Amino acid sequence: MKQEIGFLKTAVKPLLEWYRENKRDLPWRHERTPYTVLVSELMLQQTRVEAVRERYVEFLRRFPTAEALAAASEDEVLKAWEGLGYYSRARNLRKAAKIIAAEGFPRTWVGVRALPGVGDYTAGAICSVALGLKTPAVDGNVLRILSRLFADESNVDGTAVRKAYSAALAAVYPPEAGEFTEALMELGAIVCVPGGAPLCNACPWRKLCRAHLAGREEDFPVRGEKKARKIVELNVFVLKCGNKYALQKRGKGLLAGLWEFPNFEGDAPEIGKTLLKKTAKHVFTHIEWRMTGYLIEVEKEAPCYVWATAEEIGKTYAVPSAFKAFTEWLR
């Protein structure tokens, strides 16, 4: 990869010029403090930009500073995060806010990388965008655009390629560090797109990109085969007693600490009058839930559950979007 550094250096200027003309107006680009960049980067992990736009603004309105976030309870933070998924990000963000409120925001890559929930990519993004450090941030977008630029046959799933690309980028980073990091992300998000044909005619690298010049854009990046998702069959009980519904808090593991309707694998016992029934599914990264939901009317509030009205659930209890099909029953 060392021999590619000179080639990569020629790609910096056209990318920055393209970015300045074509970047999207995104709310997290309006104010670039270390705290707001931390919030946006954790919120955008494995989540679509369109899903984050309004939620980012709402979250910062509620928790405008690290001190405000650190002072909030975990339930408050999870409720504010509701629907964004990957809730460990919200817990880690709250833990990081506590550290920042007590010690100040770290000013080095090592210090930022040590914050809860911050990996190599996120640390690189925060340090370059918020602190102006020349620290590469290599995610799936960057792996894709560089593998096409180089026409690199290496499997990008391995850590070796990520490290090689990071080293090559570090060698060519311009003084506009944050702008360059964002330009790389933007190119992968709106031109050299995932899951479809790249929009090469709009690309600032169309005269440089080796994959494009060879007509092989969609041969890259090279990846290994994905493992099949585990299928889990669940029965979900929306238990209704008067105007209240039963909730329980999940334990460790997937969606830990969030509120859910009682659910279990296996046959569904009869415990009350079934009012409605429907099926739904929810896909996680490695697991797919195939759910059969029952709206069931019961005569007494079982003490093993928390019972709450639809309004209380909407305001107070963080119910993951996996159960969205069944929250529509709440009245």
Protein backbone atom coordinates (compact mmCIF):
# COMPACT_ATOMS: atom_id res chain seq x y z
CA MET A 1 0.00 0.00 0.00
CA LYS A 2 2.98 2.34 0.44
CA GLN A 3 3.35 2.56 -3.31
CA GLU A 4 -0.23 3.86 -3.53
CA ILE A 5 0.37 6.92 -1.34
CA GLY A 6 1.47 9.14 -4.23
CA PHE A 7 -1.56 8.03 -6.26
CA LEU A 8 -3.88 8.68 -3.30
CA LYS A 9 -2.39 12.13 -2.78
CA THR A 10 -3.59 13.17 -6.24
CA ALA A 11 -7.15 12.30 -5.18
CA VAL A 12 -7.27 14.69 -2.20
CA LYS A 13 -7.80 18.01 -3.99
CA PRO A 14 -10.61 16.95 -6.36
CA LEU A 15 -12.43 15.26 -3.47
CA LEU A 16 -12.31 18.40 -1.29
CA GLU A 17 -13.46 20.59 -4.16
CA TRP A 18 -16.34 18.23 -4.89
CA TYR A 19 -17.35 18.10 -1.23
CA ARG A 20 -17.50 21.87 -0.87
CA GLU A 21 -19.88 22.04 -3.83
CA ASN A 22 -22.02 18.98 -3.12
CA LYS A 23 -22.18 18.25 0.62
CA ARG A 24 -25.60 17.71 2.14
CA ASP A 25 -27.05 20.11 4.67
CA LEU A 26 -27.11 17.89 7.75
CA PRO A 27 -27.92 19.18 11.25
CA TRP A 28 -24.76 17.80 12.87
CA ARG A 29 -22.67 19.84 10.44
CA HIS A 30 -24.00 23.13 11.84
CA GLU A 31 -22.18 22.97 15.16
CA ARG A 32 -18.99 20.97 15.50
CA THR A 33 -18.07 20.74 19.17
CA PRO A 34 -16.46 17.58 20.53
CA TYR A 35 -19.66 16.70 22.40
CA THR A 36 -22.00 17.19 19.41
CA VAL A 37 -19.66 15.21 17.16
CA LEU A 38 -19.59 12.40 19.72
CA VAL A 39 -23.40 12.36 19.80
CA SER A 40 -23.75 12.38 16.02
CA GLU A 41 -21.11 9.71 15.42
CA LEU A 42 -22.58 7.29 17.95
CA MET A 43 -26.09 7.98 16.69
CA LEU A 44 -25.08 7.36 13.07
CA GLN A 45 -23.40 4.01 13.79
CA GLN A 46 -25.36 1.39 11.80
CA THR A 47 -28.27 3.81 11.38
CA ARG A 48 -29.49 5.61 8.26
CA VAL A 49 -28.89 9.36 8.01
CA GLU A 50 -32.59 10.04 7.39
CA ALA A 51 -33.53 8.22 10.59
CA VAL A 52 -31.09 10.36 12.58
CA ARG A 53 -31.80 13.87 11.21
CA GLU A 54 -34.67 14.84 13.53
CA ARG A 55 -33.67 12.56 16.38
CA TYR A 56 -30.26 14.22 16.64
CA VAL A 57 -31.87 17.65 17.00
CA GLU A 58 -34.37 16.34 19.56
CA PHE A 59 -31.66 14.58 21.55
CA LEU A 60 -29.47 17.69 21.76
CA ARG A 61 -32.47 19.81 22.68
CA ARG A 62 -33.05 17.49 25.63
CA PHE A 63 -29.36 16.95 26.48
CA PRO A 64 -27.51 20.02 25.14
CA THR A 65 -24.29 19.33 27.05
CA ALA A 66 -22.33 16.39 28.38
CA GLU A 67 -23.25 17.56 31.87
CA ALA A 68 -26.97 17.41 31.07
CA LEU A 69 -26.64 13.93 29.63
CA ALA A 70 -24.53 12.74 32.57
CA ALA A 71 -27.20 13.94 35.01
CA ALA A 72 -30.02 12.02 33.26
CA SER A 73 -31.13 8.56 34.32
CA GLU A 74 -30.53 5.57 32.07
CA ASP A 75 -34.28 5.21 31.51
CA GLU A 76 -34.51 8.84 30.36
CA VAL A 77 -31.68 8.37 27.89
CA LEU A 78 -33.06 5.09 26.54
CA LYS A 79 -36.47 6.71 26.06
CA ALA A 80 -34.87 9.59 24.14
CA TRP A 81 -33.09 6.97 22.00
CA GLU A 82 -36.24 4.93 21.39
CA GLY A 83 -36.57 3.62 17.85
CA LEU A 84 -32.95 4.18 16.84
CA GLY A 85 -31.89 0.66 17.79
CA TYR A 86 -28.54 -0.63 19.05
CA TYR A 87 -29.31 0.74 22.49
CA SER A 88 -25.87 -0.06 23.86
CA ARG A 89 -24.83 3.11 22.01
CA ALA A 90 -27.12 5.19 24.23
CA ARG A 91 -25.75 3.58 27.39
CA ASN A 92 -22.19 4.12 26.24
CA LEU A 93 -22.93 7.72 25.32
CA ARG A 94 -24.26 8.36 28.81
CA LYS A 95 -21.18 6.71 30.35
CA ALA A 96 -18.91 8.81 28.14
CA ALA A 97 -20.81 11.95 29.15
CA LYS A 98 -20.15 11.18 32.81
CA ILE A 99 -16.43 10.94 32.11
CA ILE A 100 -16.44 14.15 30.07
CA ALA A 101 -18.47 16.03 32.69
CA ALA A 102 -15.96 15.03 35.36
CA GLU A 103 -12.68 15.26 33.44
CA GLY A 104 -13.31 17.36 30.34
CA PHE A 105 -13.23 16.14 26.75
CA PRO A 106 -10.02 14.27 25.87
CA ARG A 107 -7.79 16.01 23.32
CA THR A 108 -5.89 13.04 21.88
CA TRP A 109 -6.86 10.03 19.77
CA VAL A 110 -5.88 7.69 22.59
CA GLY A 111 -8.03 9.60 25.07
CA VAL A 112 -11.04 9.73 22.74
CA ARG A 113 -10.62 6.05 21.84
CA ALA A 114 -10.82 5.19 25.56
CA LEU A 115 -14.34 6.62 25.88
CA PRO A 116 -17.10 3.98 26.19
CA GLY A 117 -18.56 2.98 22.83
CA VAL A 118 -15.78 4.61 20.79
CA GLY A 119 -13.84 2.40 18.40
CA ASP A 120 -11.05 3.23 15.97
CA TYR A 121 -13.35 4.67 13.30
CA THR A 122 -15.36 6.82 15.70
CA ALA A 123 -12.23 8.08 17.44
CA GLY A 124 -10.75 9.05 14.08
CA ALA A 125 -13.90 10.87 13.04
CA ILE A 126 -14.23 12.79 16.31
CA CYS A 127 -10.57 13.76 16.43
CA SER A 128 -10.44 14.97 12.84
CA VAL A 129 -13.83 16.67 12.65
CA ALA A 130 -13.99 18.20 16.14
CA LEU A 131 -10.32 18.55 17.09
CA GLY A 132 -8.69 19.07 13.69
CA LEU A 133 -6.29 16.14 14.10
CA LYS A 134 -5.09 14.18 11.07
CA THR A 135 -6.68 10.92 12.19
CA PRO A 136 -8.27 8.70 9.52
CA ALA A 137 -11.75 7.26 10.06
CA VAL A 138 -12.12 4.09 8.01
CA ASP A 139 -15.62 2.64 7.92
CA GLY A 140 -17.54 0.63 5.32
CA ASN A 141 -17.95 3.68 3.08
CA VAL A 142 -14.22 4.41 3.06
CA LEU A 143 -13.31 0.76 2.53
CA ARG A 144 -15.62 0.70 -0.48
CA ILE A 145 -14.43 3.89 -2.17
CA LEU A 146 -10.74 3.16 -1.65
CA SER A 147 -11.02 -0.46 -2.77
CA ARG A 148 -12.58 0.84 -6.01
CA LEU A 149 -10.09 3.68 -6.37
CA PHE A 150 -7.20 1.20 -6.06
CA ALA A 151 -9.06 -1.72 -7.72
CA ASP A 152 -7.83 -3.65 -4.70
CA GLU A 153 -8.58 -7.38 -4.79
CA SER A 154 -7.94 -7.79 -1.03
CA ASN A 155 -10.80 -8.92 1.20
CA VAL A 156 -11.89 -5.77 3.05
CA ASP A 157 -13.41 -7.82 5.89
CA GLY A 158 -9.95 -8.40 7.33
CA THR A 159 -8.29 -5.96 9.71
CA ALA A 160 -5.15 -5.83 7.55
CA VAL A 161 -6.90 -3.86 4.78
CA ARG A 162 -8.45 -1.43 7.25
CA LYS A 163 -5.04 -0.80 8.81
CA ALA A 164 -3.38 -0.38 5.41
CA TYR A 165 -5.99 2.12 4.24
CA SER A 166 -5.73 4.04 7.53
CA ALA A 167 -1.95 4.30 7.14
CA ALA A 168 -2.25 5.43 3.53
CA LEU A 169 -4.80 8.10 4.42
CA ALA A 170 -2.73 9.33 7.37
CA ALA A 171 0.15 9.94 4.97
CA VAL A 172 -1.92 12.23 2.71
CA TYR A 173 -4.21 14.03 5.15
CA PRO A 174 -4.44 17.75 4.27
CA PRO A 175 -4.61 20.59 6.83
CA GLU A 176 -8.43 20.55 6.41
CA ALA A 177 -8.56 17.31 8.38
CA GLY A 178 -12.20 17.35 9.40
CA GLU A 179 -13.38 18.39 5.96
CA PHE A 180 -11.38 15.59 4.35
CA THR A 181 -12.83 12.99 6.72
CA GLU A 182 -16.35 14.17 5.96
CA ALA A 183 -15.65 14.28 2.23
CA LEU A 184 -14.61 10.62 2.26
CA MET A 185 -17.79 9.70 4.15
CA GLU A 186 -19.94 11.79 1.82
CA LEU A 187 -18.53 10.26 -1.34
CA GLY A 188 -19.36 6.78 -0.04
CA ALA A 189 -22.82 7.85 1.08
CA ILE A 190 -24.16 9.62 -2.00
CA VAL A 191 -22.00 8.66 -5.01
CA CYS A 192 -20.03 5.46 -4.46
CA VAL A 193 -23.06 4.01 -2.75
CA PRO A 194 -23.54 0.69 -0.96
CA GLY A 195 -25.90 -1.94 -2.30
CA GLY A 196 -26.15 -0.61 -5.83
CA ALA A 197 -24.34 0.72 -8.86
CA PRO A 198 -22.08 3.69 -8.10
CA LEU A 199 -22.97 7.03 -9.70
CA CYS A 200 -19.65 7.33 -11.48
CA ASN A 201 -20.62 10.27 -13.69
CA ALA A 202 -21.01 12.40 -10.54
CA CYS A 203 -17.75 11.22 -8.96
CA PRO A 204 -14.75 13.54 -8.58
CA TRP A 205 -12.50 10.47 -8.95
CA ARG A 206 -13.96 9.22 -12.24
CA LYS A 207 -10.72 10.01 -14.11
CA LEU A 208 -8.60 8.39 -11.38
CA CYS A 209 -10.60 5.39 -10.19
CA ARG A 210 -8.99 2.22 -11.48
CA ALA A 211 -12.14 0.13 -11.03
CA HIS A 212 -14.15 2.65 -13.09
CA LEU A 213 -11.52 2.92 -15.81
CA ALA A 214 -11.57 -0.87 -16.09
CA GLY A 215 -15.38 -1.02 -16.03
CA ARG A 216 -15.23 -3.15 -12.87
CA GLU A 217 -16.80 -0.86 -10.26
CA GLU A 218 -19.19 -3.50 -8.94
CA ASP A 219 -16.41 -6.07 -8.51
CA PHE A 220 -15.26 -4.11 -5.47
CA PRO A 221 -15.06 -4.26 -2.53
CA VAL A 222 -14.17 -7.93 -2.24
CA ARG A 223 -15.87 -9.48 0.79
CA GLY A 224 -16.33 -12.88 2.37
CA GLU A 225 -19.67 -14.66 2.51
CA LYS A 226 -22.06 -13.47 5.20
CA LYS A 227 -23.27 -15.94 7.79
CA ALA A 228 -26.96 -16.72 7.68
CA ARG A 229 -29.03 -15.02 10.39
CA LYS A 230 -30.38 -17.13 13.21
CA ILE A 231 -34.18 -17.40 13.06
CA VAL A 232 -36.05 -17.09 16.37
CA GLU A 233 -39.80 -17.81 16.58
CA LEU A 234 -41.44 -15.70 19.31
CA ASN A 235 -44.92 -15.42 20.76
CA VAL A 236 -45.63 -11.91 22.00
CA PHE A 237 -48.44 -11.25 24.50
CA VAL A 238 -49.88 -7.74 24.73
CA LEU A 239 -51.77 -8.23 27.97
CA LYS A 240 -54.57 -5.70 28.57
CA CYS A 241 -56.27 -5.15 31.90
CA GLY A 242 -58.68 -2.22 31.82
CA ASN A 243 -56.71 0.59 30.20
CA LYS A 244 -53.30 -0.73 31.23
CA TYR A 245 -50.83 -3.04 29.52
CA ALA A 246 -48.20 -5.40 30.89
CA LEU A 247 -44.51 -4.63 30.43
CA GLN A 248 -41.36 -6.33 31.60
CA LYS A 249 -37.73 -5.21 31.54
CA ARG A 250 -35.31 -7.22 29.47
CA GLY A 251 -32.25 -8.65 31.17
CA LYS A 252 -28.76 -9.00 29.73
CA GLY A 253 -28.06 -9.48 26.05
CA LEU A 254 -30.01 -8.20 23.07
CA LEU A 255 -32.04 -5.03 23.90
CA ALA A 256 -30.93 -5.27 27.54
CA GLY A 257 -32.64 -2.87 29.94
CA LEU A 258 -35.48 -1.95 27.57
CA TRP A 259 -39.17 -2.54 28.16
CA GLU A 260 -41.05 -5.20 26.24
CA PHE A 261 -44.31 -7.07 26.09
CA PRO A 262 -44.11 -10.55 27.65
CA ASN A 263 -42.76 -12.96 25.04
CA PHE A 264 -41.33 -16.43 24.80
CA GLU A 265 -40.36 -19.17 22.38
CA GLY A 266 -42.60 -22.20 22.05
CA ASP A 267 -46.33 -22.79 21.99
CA ALA A 268 -48.64 -20.01 23.20
CA PRO A 269 -50.72 -20.95 26.27
CA GLU A 270 -54.26 -19.62 26.74
CA ILE A 271 -54.28 -17.10 29.59
CA GLY A 272 -57.15 -14.83 28.66
CA LYS A 273 -59.44 -13.68 25.89
CA THR A 274 -57.59 -13.13 22.61
CA LEU A 275 -58.87 -9.96 20.98
CA LEU A 276 -56.45 -9.68 18.05
CA LYS A 277 -53.66 -11.67 16.48
CA LYS A 278 -51.01 -10.73 13.93
CA THR A 279 -47.57 -11.71 12.72
CA ALA A 280 -44.50 -9.50 12.32
CA LYS A 281 -40.77 -9.84 11.95
CA HIS A 282 -37.77 -7.78 12.96
CA VAL A 283 -34.28 -8.19 11.58
CA PHE A 284 -31.22 -7.55 13.71
CA THR A 285 -27.66 -7.86 12.43
CA HIS A 286 -27.29 -11.57 13.22
CA ILE A 287 -30.80 -12.59 14.33
CA GLU A 288 -34.27 -12.45 12.82
CA TRP A 289 -37.32 -12.49 15.08
CA ARG A 290 -40.44 -13.99 13.54
CA MET A 291 -43.20 -13.02 15.92
CA THR A 292 -46.82 -13.93 16.44
CA GLY A 293 -48.52 -11.32 18.57
CA TYR A 294 -51.70 -11.64 20.61
CA LEU A 295 -53.72 -8.84 22.16
CA ILE A 296 -55.15 -10.57 25.23
CA GLU A 297 -57.64 -9.25 27.74
CA VAL A 298 -57.06 -10.42 31.32
CA GLU A 299 -59.10 -9.88 34.48
CA LYS A 300 -56.27 -9.12 36.94
CA GLU A 301 -52.93 -7.36 36.85
CA ALA A 302 -50.28 -10.01 37.40
CA PRO A 303 -47.75 -8.61 39.92
CA CYS A 304 -44.77 -9.94 37.95
CA TYR A 305 -45.28 -7.17 35.37
CA VAL A 306 -45.33 -3.39 35.33
CA TRP A 307 -48.74 -2.15 34.19
CA ALA A 308 -48.99 1.17 32.38
CA THR A 309 -51.42 3.08 30.18
CA ALA A 310 -50.72 3.74 26.52
CA GLU A 311 -49.92 7.36 27.38
CA GLU A 312 -47.48 6.34 30.12
CA ILE A 313 -45.76 3.88 27.80
CA GLY A 314 -45.44 6.57 25.15
CA LYS A 315 -43.90 9.09 27.56
CA THR A 316 -41.86 7.00 29.97
CA TYR A 317 -41.04 3.47 28.87
CA ALA A 318 -38.51 2.77 26.09
CA VAL A 319 -40.04 -0.02 23.99
CA PRO A 320 -37.76 -1.10 21.10
CA SER A 321 -38.98 -0.79 17.52
CA ALA A 322 -38.89 -4.59 17.24
CA PHE A 323 -42.32 -4.50 18.92
CA LYS A 324 -43.68 -1.59 16.87
CA ALA A 325 -46.27 -3.76 15.12
CA PHE A 326 -47.84 -4.50 18.51
CA THR A 327 -47.62 -1.02 20.05
CA GLU A 328 -50.17 -0.05 17.41
CA TRP A 329 -52.71 -1.95 19.52
CA LEU A 330 -52.28 0.37 22.50
CA ARG A 331 -55.18 2.76 23.05
